[in-house]
Amino acid sequence: MQIVICDDDRKMQDILRDKIERSCREMGVVCEITCCSSGGEVLGADRTPDVLFLDIQMPGTDGMDVAKELRRRRWNTILIFVTALSEYVYDAFDVGAFHYLVKPFTAEKLSEVLKKAVEAFEEFKKQGRPAGRRGTDKTILVRQGSVSAAVAVSSIVYAEVFNRKVTLHTVNGDLEYYGKLTELSEQVGDGFYRTHRAYLVNLDYVEKYDGTTIWLEQGTAPVSKKQFAGFVKQYMHYISRRGTAG
C-alpha cells in the first residue's frame, strides 16, 4: 500500500511516519511511505498514493486545493486531512475526505483511522478499483460491427438504451452499440444503479438529485418513482463505503 505524507513541517512528517509504520506492523500491512513538503510534489508525482495524509495550511498550493485537484483528476486516493484547523471539516467532506484528524491527536486515534483506511483499500481491490487514479480499473469490451473497443468502467458516466441500441456516455464522448442494459449492469457492478428501465447511472458521477432527475457531472438521467427509494439507499451506502461521509 502506497502511503504519502504531505506536510511542510518536517517534524510532523517524522512523527506521522513513525506512528504509521508502527501501526502497519501491528496490522501486518506492507506499506511504502513517502514524505513531501508541498502540494505540488503530490500533484507532480509519478505514482498515485493509495492513502494520502495531507496538511491544509502549506505555502504555495494548500492542502484543500490539492484535494480539489485530485478529485478533478478523478483519483480515488483515500484522503486523510491532518491539520490544527477544525473549521475546514465541512470543506473536507466536499472533496470526499475519508477522515479529518485535528492536531494534536493520539497514536490510538491515528491507528484507528489507518485501520479503517486499510479496510477501505482492501474493499477497493475486491471491486477491481484501485484506490489510486480512477481509470486504471477494469474494462469492458463493446462490439461495434466488426470492431471491439475496450471501455474503462470508471469512464462511464451513465448509459441509456433505445431500440436495442445502448449509448455509453463517457468522460471521453459517446459510444453506441447493440446490446442490453441488463447485461451491461451485470458487467459494471454495484457502483452503478438502474434508475429507470432505460438508464444506468454511475454513482461516482452523481452531483445532486430529486424525485424525478439525477444530475451528473456530464448530463442528467431520469429516476422513476419505483426506483427512487432504492437509488437513494444504494447511493447513501455507496458514498458511506467510500468514506465520503467521514
C-alpha atoms as a PDB file:
ATOM      1  CA  MET A   1       0.000   0.000   0.000  1.00  0.00           C
ATOM      2  CA  GLN A   2       1.476   3.330  -1.097  1.00  0.00           C
ATOM      3  CA  ILE A   3       1.160   5.975   1.634  1.00  0.00           C
ATOM      4  CA  VAL A   4       2.174   9.617   1.181  1.00  0.00           C
ATOM      5  CA  ILE A   5       2.544  12.160   3.993  1.00  0.00           C
ATOM      6  CA  CYS A   6       2.341  15.775   2.793  1.00  0.00           C
ATOM      7  CA  ASP A   7       3.193  18.328   5.466  1.00  0.00           C
ATOM      8  CA  ASP A   8       5.551  21.314   5.357  1.00  0.00           C
ATOM      9  CA  ASP A   9       6.595  20.587   8.956  1.00  0.00           C
ATOM     10  CA  ARG A  10       9.446  18.041   8.810  1.00  0.00           C
ATOM     11  CA  LYS A  11       8.995  17.185  12.478  1.00  0.00           C
ATOM     12  CA  MET A  12       5.342  16.305  11.849  1.00  0.00           C
ATOM     13  CA  GLN A  13       6.415  14.189   8.865  1.00  0.00           C
ATOM     14  CA  ASP A  14       8.702  12.160  11.145  1.00  0.00           C
ATOM     15  CA  ILE A  15       6.029  11.782  13.824  1.00  0.00           C
ATOM     16  CA  LEU A  16       3.429  10.582  11.326  1.00  0.00           C
ATOM     17  CA  ARG A  17       5.858   8.227   9.590  1.00  0.00           C
ATOM     18  CA  ASP A  18       6.852   6.633  12.884  1.00  0.00           C
ATOM     19  CA  LYS A  19       3.245   6.151  14.029  1.00  0.00           C
ATOM     20  CA  ILE A  20       2.062   4.867  10.651  1.00  0.00           C
ATOM     21  CA  GLU A  21       4.952   2.401  10.339  1.00  0.00           C
ATOM     22  CA  ARG A  22       4.230   1.089  13.832  1.00  0.00           C
ATOM     23  CA  SER A  23       0.505   0.707  13.125  1.00  0.00           C
ATOM     24  CA  CYS A  24       1.156  -1.052   9.812  1.00  0.00           C
ATOM     25  CA  ARG A  25       3.495  -3.530  11.513  1.00  0.00           C
ATOM     26  CA  GLU A  26       0.884  -4.259  14.183  1.00  0.00           C
ATOM     27  CA  MET A  27      -1.756  -4.873  11.486  1.00  0.00           C
ATOM     28  CA  GLY A  28       0.600  -6.937   9.342  1.00  0.00           C
ATOM     29  CA  VAL A  29       0.184  -4.499   6.450  1.00  0.00           C
ATOM     30  CA  VAL A  30       3.027  -3.996   3.987  1.00  0.00           C
ATOM     31  CA  CYS A  31       3.295  -0.304   3.176  1.00  0.00           C
ATOM     32  CA  GLU A  32       5.690   2.076   1.459  1.00  0.00           C
ATOM     33  CA  ILE A  33       5.732   5.548   2.997  1.00  0.00           C
ATOM     34  CA  THR A  34       6.891   8.677   1.183  1.00  0.00           C
ATOM     35  CA  CYS A  35       7.064  12.195   2.654  1.00  0.00           C
ATOM     36  CA  CYS A  36       6.834  15.522   0.846  1.00  0.00           C
ATOM     37  CA  SER A  37       6.596  19.164   1.904  1.00  0.00           C
ATOM     38  CA  SER A  38       4.312  20.739  -0.704  1.00  0.00           C
ATOM     39  CA  GLY A  39       1.110  20.099  -2.597  1.00  0.00           C
ATOM     40  CA  GLY A  40       2.961  20.483  -5.877  1.00  0.00           C
ATOM     41  CA  GLU A  41       5.042  17.409  -5.084  1.00  0.00           C
ATOM     42  CA  VAL A  42       1.891  15.333  -4.639  1.00  0.00           C
ATOM     43  CA  LEU A  43       0.327  16.513  -7.895  1.00  0.00           C
ATOM     44  CA  GLY A  44       3.565  16.106  -9.852  1.00  0.00           C
ATOM     45  CA  ALA A  45       4.482  12.647  -8.557  1.00  0.00           C
ATOM     46  CA  ASP A  46       4.788   9.733 -10.974  1.00  0.00           C
ATOM     47  CA  ARG A  47       2.910   7.381  -8.672  1.00  0.00           C
ATOM     48  CA  THR A  48      -0.555   7.871  -7.257  1.00  0.00           C
ATOM     49  CA  PRO A  49      -0.819   7.293  -3.483  1.00  0.00           C
ATOM     50  CA  ASP A  50      -3.335   4.793  -2.161  1.00  0.00           C
ATOM     51  CA  VAL A  51      -3.566   6.787   1.076  1.00  0.00           C
ATOM     52  CA  LEU A  52      -2.644  10.465   1.437  1.00  0.00           C
ATOM     53  CA  PHE A  53      -2.161  12.186   4.806  1.00  0.00           C
ATOM     54  CA  LEU A  54      -2.497  15.847   3.866  1.00  0.00           C
ATOM     55  CA  ASP A  55      -1.931  19.062   5.821  1.00  0.00           C
ATOM     56  CA  ILE A  56      -4.173  22.003   4.892  1.00  0.00           C
ATOM     57  CA  GLN A  57      -2.036  25.046   5.662  1.00  0.00           C
ATOM     58  CA  MET A  58       1.042  24.889   3.433  1.00  0.00           C
ATOM     59  CA  PRO A  59       2.895  27.513   1.389  1.00  0.00           C
ATOM     60  CA  GLY A  60       2.054  27.643  -2.292  1.00  0.00           C
ATOM     61  CA  THR A  61      -0.697  25.151  -3.127  1.00  0.00           C
ATOM     62  CA  ASP A  62      -2.509  24.441   0.129  1.00  0.00           C
ATOM     63  CA  GLY A  63      -3.967  21.076   1.089  1.00  0.00           C
ATOM     64  CA  MET A  64      -7.558  21.908   0.177  1.00  0.00           C
ATOM     65  CA  ASP A  65      -6.501  22.995  -3.332  1.00  0.00           C
ATOM     66  CA  VAL A  66      -4.524  19.761  -3.686  1.00  0.00           C
ATOM     67  CA  ALA A  67      -7.594  17.744  -2.699  1.00  0.00           C
ATOM     68  CA  LYS A  68      -9.806  19.576  -5.203  1.00  0.00           C
ATOM     69  CA  GLU A  69      -7.295  18.917  -7.986  1.00  0.00           C
ATOM     70  CA  LEU A  70      -7.055  15.229  -7.043  1.00  0.00           C
ATOM     71  CA  ARG A  71     -10.833  14.897  -7.340  1.00  0.00           C
ATOM     72  CA  ARG A  72     -10.872  16.882 -10.594  1.00  0.00           C
ATOM     73  CA  ARG A  73      -8.413  14.333 -11.970  1.00  0.00           C
ATOM     74  CA  ARG A  74     -10.756  11.639 -10.619  1.00  0.00           C
ATOM     75  CA  TRP A  75      -8.230   9.954  -8.329  1.00  0.00           C
ATOM     76  CA  ASN A  76      -9.644   7.510  -5.800  1.00  0.00           C
ATOM     77  CA  THR A  77      -6.916   8.280  -3.265  1.00  0.00           C
ATOM     78  CA  ILE A  78      -8.036   7.713   0.334  1.00  0.00           C
ATOM     79  CA  LEU A  79      -7.640  11.246   1.640  1.00  0.00           C
ATOM     80  CA  ILE A  80      -6.981  11.943   5.330  1.00  0.00           C
ATOM     81  CA  PHE A  81      -6.554  15.568   6.385  1.00  0.00           C
ATOM     82  CA  VAL A  82      -4.134  16.184   9.255  1.00  0.00           C
ATOM     83  CA  THR A  83      -4.484  19.759  10.495  1.00  0.00           C
ATOM     84  CA  ALA A  84      -4.789  22.015  13.500  1.00  0.00           C
ATOM     85  CA  LEU A  85      -7.730  23.808  11.856  1.00  0.00           C
ATOM     86  CA  SER A  86     -11.109  22.309  12.717  1.00  0.00           C
ATOM     87  CA  GLU A  87     -13.052  24.917  10.702  1.00  0.00           C
ATOM     88  CA  TYR A  88     -12.264  23.202   7.384  1.00  0.00           C
ATOM     89  CA  VAL A  89     -14.066  19.987   8.276  1.00  0.00           C
ATOM     90  CA  TYR A  90     -17.091  20.688   6.046  1.00  0.00           C
ATOM     91  CA  ASP A  91     -14.858  21.623   3.124  1.00  0.00           C
ATOM     92  CA  ALA A  92     -13.117  18.278   3.655  1.00  0.00           C
ATOM     93  CA  PHE A  93     -16.383  16.434   3.143  1.00  0.00           C
ATOM     94  CA  ASP A  94     -16.931  18.334  -0.111  1.00  0.00           C
ATOM     95  CA  VAL A  95     -13.747  16.824  -1.563  1.00  0.00           C
ATOM     96  CA  GLY A  96     -14.560  13.323  -0.355  1.00  0.00           C
ATOM     97  CA  ALA A  97     -12.137  13.183   2.567  1.00  0.00           C
ATOM     98  CA  PHE A  98     -12.004   9.815   4.296  1.00  0.00           C
ATOM     99  CA  HIS A  99     -11.214  11.368   7.664  1.00  0.00           C
ATOM    100  CA  TYR A 100     -10.227  14.642   9.340  1.00  0.00           C
ATOM    101  CA  LEU A 101      -7.586  14.388  12.067  1.00  0.00           C
ATOM    102  CA  VAL A 102      -7.221  17.504  14.234  1.00  0.00           C
ATOM    103  CA  LYS A 103      -3.804  18.069  15.831  1.00  0.00           C
ATOM    104  CA  PRO A 104      -2.884  17.069  18.426  1.00  0.00           C
ATOM    105  CA  PHE A 105      -4.193  13.507  18.202  1.00  0.00           C
ATOM    106  CA  THR A 106      -3.220  10.302  19.949  1.00  0.00           C
ATOM    107  CA  ALA A 107      -1.395   7.342  18.435  1.00  0.00           C
ATOM    108  CA  GLU A 108      -4.506   5.287  19.195  1.00  0.00           C
ATOM    109  CA  LYS A 109      -6.710   7.622  17.142  1.00  0.00           C
ATOM    110  CA  LEU A 110      -4.308   7.550  14.193  1.00  0.00           C
ATOM    111  CA  SER A 111      -4.155   3.749  14.372  1.00  0.00           C
ATOM    112  CA  GLU A 112      -7.969   3.565  14.384  1.00  0.00           C
ATOM    113  CA  VAL A 113      -8.241   5.793  11.311  1.00  0.00           C
ATOM    114  CA  LEU A 114      -5.463   3.927   9.500  1.00  0.00           C
ATOM    115  CA  LYS A 115      -7.154   0.591  10.184  1.00  0.00           C
ATOM    116  CA  LYS A 116     -10.365   1.868   8.562  1.00  0.00           C
ATOM    117  CA  ALA A 117      -8.351   3.205   5.615  1.00  0.00           C
ATOM    118  CA  VAL A 118      -6.746  -0.219   5.133  1.00  0.00           C
ATOM    119  CA  GLU A 119     -10.198  -1.830   5.152  1.00  0.00           C
ATOM    120  CA  ALA A 120     -11.358   0.668   2.507  1.00  0.00           C
ATOM    121  CA  PHE A 121      -8.232  -0.031   0.450  1.00  0.00           C
ATOM    122  CA  GLU A 122      -8.932  -3.782   0.557  1.00  0.00           C
ATOM    123  CA  GLU A 123     -12.543  -3.155  -0.465  1.00  0.00           C
ATOM    124  CA  PHE A 124     -11.360  -1.158  -3.487  1.00  0.00           C
ATOM    125  CA  LYS A 125      -9.157  -4.080  -4.527  1.00  0.00           C
ATOM    126  CA  LYS A 126     -12.050  -6.547  -4.236  1.00  0.00           C
ATOM    127  CA  GLN A 127     -14.110  -4.315  -6.534  1.00  0.00           C
ATOM    128  CA  GLY A 128     -11.264  -4.175  -9.050  1.00  0.00           C
ATOM    129  CA  ARG A 129     -10.995  -0.434  -8.351  1.00  0.00           C
ATOM    130  CA  PRO A 130      -7.535   0.581  -7.144  1.00  0.00           C
ATOM    131  CA  ALA A 131      -7.601   3.327  -4.558  1.00  0.00           C
ATOM    132  CA  GLY A 132      -5.366   5.458  -6.748  1.00  0.00           C
ATOM    133  CA  ARG A 133      -6.226   7.102 -10.047  1.00  0.00           C
ATOM    134  CA  ARG A 134      -9.641   6.206 -11.362  1.00  0.00           C
ATOM    135  CA  GLY A 135      -9.388   4.933 -14.902  1.00  0.00           C
ATOM    136  CA  THR A 136      -6.949   2.108 -14.096  1.00  0.00           C
ATOM    137  CA  ASP A 137      -9.816  -0.204 -13.162  1.00  0.00           C
ATOM    138  CA  LYS A 138     -11.456  -2.981 -15.153  1.00  0.00           C
ATOM    139  CA  THR A 139     -12.644  -2.559 -18.713  1.00  0.00           C
ATOM    140  CA  ILE A 140     -15.495  -3.999 -20.753  1.00  0.00           C
ATOM    141  CA  LEU A 141     -15.444  -4.884 -24.440  1.00  0.00           C
ATOM    142  CA  VAL A 142     -18.004  -3.184 -26.650  1.00  0.00           C
ATOM    143  CA  ARG A 143     -18.538  -4.558 -30.141  1.00  0.00           C
ATOM    144  CA  GLN A 144     -19.325  -2.082 -32.939  1.00  0.00           C
ATOM    145  CA  GLY A 145     -19.758  -4.025 -36.148  1.00  0.00           C
ATOM    146  CA  SER A 146     -16.523  -5.901 -36.718  1.00  0.00           C
ATOM    147  CA  VAL A 147     -14.581  -3.764 -34.233  1.00  0.00           C
ATOM    148  CA  SER A 148     -14.340  -4.357 -30.482  1.00  0.00           C
ATOM    149  CA  ALA A 149     -13.451  -1.407 -28.241  1.00  0.00           C
ATOM    150  CA  ALA A 150     -12.202  -1.563 -24.638  1.00  0.00           C
ATOM    151  CA  VAL A 151     -14.011   0.900 -22.374  1.00  0.00           C
ATOM    152  CA  ALA A 152     -12.861   1.673 -18.817  1.00  0.00           C
ATOM    153  CA  VAL A 153     -15.804   1.130 -16.480  1.00  0.00           C
ATOM    154  CA  SER A 154     -14.792   4.185 -14.438  1.00  0.00           C
ATOM    155  CA  SER A 155     -15.079   6.414 -17.521  1.00  0.00           C
ATOM    156  CA  ILE A 156     -18.780   5.644 -17.997  1.00  0.00           C
ATOM    157  CA  VAL A 157     -20.920   8.466 -16.583  1.00  0.00           C
ATOM    158  CA  TYR A 158     -24.230   6.841 -17.497  1.00  0.00           C
ATOM    159  CA  ALA A 159     -25.782   4.616 -20.139  1.00  0.00           C
ATOM    160  CA  GLU A 160     -29.154   4.610 -21.857  1.00  0.00           C
ATOM    161  CA  VAL A 161     -30.888   2.239 -24.235  1.00  0.00           C
ATOM    162  CA  PHE A 162     -33.266   2.949 -27.131  1.00  0.00           C
ATOM    163  CA  ASN A 163     -34.416   0.498 -29.828  1.00  0.00           C
ATOM    164  CA  ARG A 164     -31.937  -2.149 -28.646  1.00  0.00           C
ATOM    165  CA  LYS A 165     -29.026   0.276 -29.026  1.00  0.00           C
ATOM    166  CA  VAL A 166     -27.057   1.177 -25.883  1.00  0.00           C
ATOM    167  CA  THR A 167     -25.363   4.567 -25.689  1.00  0.00           C
ATOM    168  CA  LEU A 168     -22.457   4.860 -23.259  1.00  0.00           C
ATOM    169  CA  HIS A 169     -21.941   8.458 -22.188  1.00  0.00           C
ATOM    170  CA  THR A 170     -18.305   8.534 -21.080  1.00  0.00           C
ATOM    171  CA  VAL A 171     -15.927  11.277 -19.992  1.00  0.00           C
ATOM    172  CA  ASN A 172     -14.312  10.912 -23.429  1.00  0.00           C
ATOM    173  CA  GLY A 173     -17.501  11.077 -25.510  1.00  0.00           C
ATOM    174  CA  ASP A 174     -20.401   8.827 -26.506  1.00  0.00           C
ATOM    175  CA  LEU A 175     -20.215   5.261 -27.768  1.00  0.00           C
ATOM    176  CA  GLU A 176     -23.118   3.282 -29.277  1.00  0.00           C
ATOM    177  CA  TYR A 177     -23.556  -0.449 -29.718  1.00  0.00           C
ATOM    178  CA  TYR A 178     -26.330  -3.031 -29.913  1.00  0.00           C
ATOM    179  CA  GLY A 179     -26.893  -4.678 -26.549  1.00  0.00           C
ATOM    180  CA  LYS A 180     -28.962  -4.927 -23.389  1.00  0.00           C
ATOM    181  CA  LEU A 181     -28.808  -2.663 -20.359  1.00  0.00           C
ATOM    182  CA  THR A 182     -29.307  -5.673 -18.075  1.00  0.00           C
ATOM    183  CA  GLU A 183     -26.128  -7.289 -19.389  1.00  0.00           C
ATOM    184  CA  LEU A 184     -24.212  -4.034 -19.027  1.00  0.00           C
ATOM    185  CA  SER A 185     -25.427  -3.660 -15.444  1.00  0.00           C
ATOM    186  CA  GLU A 186     -24.046  -7.106 -14.591  1.00  0.00           C
ATOM    187  CA  GLN A 187     -20.700  -6.229 -16.166  1.00  0.00           C
ATOM    188  CA  VAL A 188     -20.093  -2.907 -14.438  1.00  0.00           C
ATOM    189  CA  GLY A 189     -21.041  -3.939 -10.883  1.00  0.00           C
ATOM    190  CA  ASP A 190     -22.691  -2.300  -7.880  1.00  0.00           C
ATOM    191  CA  GLY A 191     -21.113   1.110  -8.411  1.00  0.00           C
ATOM    192  CA  PHE A 192     -23.937   1.671 -10.903  1.00  0.00           C
ATOM    193  CA  TYR A 193     -27.706   1.858 -10.402  1.00  0.00           C
ATOM    194  CA  ARG A 194     -30.622   1.285 -12.782  1.00  0.00           C
ATOM    195  CA  THR A 195     -32.609   4.470 -12.125  1.00  0.00           C
ATOM    196  CA  HIS A 196     -35.067   3.799 -14.944  1.00  0.00           C
ATOM    197  CA  ARG A 197     -35.720   0.894 -17.272  1.00  0.00           C
ATOM    198  CA  ALA A 198     -33.732   2.736 -19.941  1.00  0.00           C
ATOM    199  CA  TYR A 199     -30.992   4.337 -17.797  1.00  0.00           C
ATOM    200  CA  LEU A 200     -27.999   3.076 -15.829  1.00  0.00           C
ATOM    201  CA  VAL A 201     -26.069   5.630 -13.725  1.00  0.00           C
ATOM    202  CA  ASN A 202     -22.514   5.582 -12.365  1.00  0.00           C
ATOM    203  CA  LEU A 203     -22.908   6.633  -8.724  1.00  0.00           C
ATOM    204  CA  ASP A 204     -19.434   8.137  -8.751  1.00  0.00           C
ATOM    205  CA  TYR A 205     -20.610  10.973 -11.011  1.00  0.00           C
ATOM    206  CA  VAL A 206     -23.805  11.935  -9.156  1.00  0.00           C
ATOM    207  CA  GLU A 207     -23.828  15.601  -8.129  1.00  0.00           C
ATOM    208  CA  LYS A 208     -27.424  16.025  -6.920  1.00  0.00           C
ATOM    209  CA  TYR A 209     -30.881  14.546  -7.357  1.00  0.00           C
ATOM    210  CA  ASP A 210     -34.570  14.984  -6.638  1.00  0.00           C
ATOM    211  CA  GLY A 211     -37.571  12.704  -7.037  1.00  0.00           C
ATOM    212  CA  THR A 212     -37.504  12.767 -10.850  1.00  0.00           C
ATOM    213  CA  THR A 213     -33.995  13.694 -12.031  1.00  0.00           C
ATOM    214  CA  ILE A 214     -30.364  12.859 -11.295  1.00  0.00           C
ATOM    215  CA  TRP A 215     -27.791  15.486 -12.206  1.00  0.00           C
ATOM    216  CA  LEU A 216     -24.416  14.066 -13.159  1.00  0.00           C
ATOM    217  CA  GLU A 217     -21.077  15.714 -13.863  1.00  0.00           C
ATOM    218  CA  GLN A 218     -21.992  15.330 -17.520  1.00  0.00           C
ATOM    219  CA  GLY A 219     -25.690  15.228 -18.367  1.00  0.00           C
ATOM    220  CA  THR A 220     -28.805  14.153 -16.491  1.00  0.00           C
ATOM    221  CA  ALA A 221     -30.783  10.955 -16.116  1.00  0.00           C
ATOM    222  CA  PRO A 222     -34.397  10.351 -15.073  1.00  0.00           C
ATOM    223  CA  VAL A 223     -35.273   8.322 -11.993  1.00  0.00           C
ATOM    224  CA  SER A 224     -38.642   6.566 -11.832  1.00  0.00           C
ATOM    225  CA  LYS A 225     -40.893   6.651  -8.781  1.00  0.00           C
ATOM    226  CA  LYS A 226     -40.458   2.900  -8.452  1.00  0.00           C
ATOM    227  CA  GLN A 227     -36.659   3.121  -8.400  1.00  0.00           C
ATOM    228  CA  PHE A 228     -36.175   6.327  -6.392  1.00  0.00           C
ATOM    229  CA  ALA A 229     -36.128   4.832  -2.876  1.00  0.00           C
ATOM    230  CA  GLY A 230     -33.743   2.090  -3.976  1.00  0.00           C
ATOM    231  CA  PHE A 231     -31.474   4.628  -5.646  1.00  0.00           C
ATOM    232  CA  VAL A 232     -31.232   6.797  -2.519  1.00  0.00           C
ATOM    233  CA  LYS A 233     -30.488   3.772  -0.347  1.00  0.00           C
ATOM    234  CA  GLN A 234     -27.757   2.455  -2.618  1.00  0.00           C
ATOM    235  CA  TYR A 235     -26.231   5.899  -3.165  1.00  0.00           C
ATOM    236  CA  MET A 236     -26.036   6.579   0.584  1.00  0.00           C
ATOM    237  CA  HIS A 237     -24.447   3.175   1.141  1.00  0.00           C
ATOM    238  CA  TYR A 238     -22.032   3.770  -1.717  1.00  0.00           C
ATOM    239  CA  ILE A 239     -20.683   7.130  -0.527  1.00  0.00           C
ATOM    240  CA  SER A 240     -20.520   5.874   3.061  1.00  0.00           C
ATOM    241  CA  ARG A 241     -18.491   2.843   1.965  1.00  0.00           C
ATOM    242  CA  ARG A 242     -16.074   5.066   0.075  1.00  0.00           C
ATOM    243  CA  GLY A 243     -15.509   7.156   3.174  1.00  0.00           C
ATOM    244  CA  THR A 244     -17.087  10.339   1.871  1.00  0.00           C
ATOM    245  CA  ALA A 245     -19.207  10.581   4.998  1.00  0.00           C
ATOM    246  CA  GLY A 246     -16.015  10.920   7.025  1.00  0.00           C
END
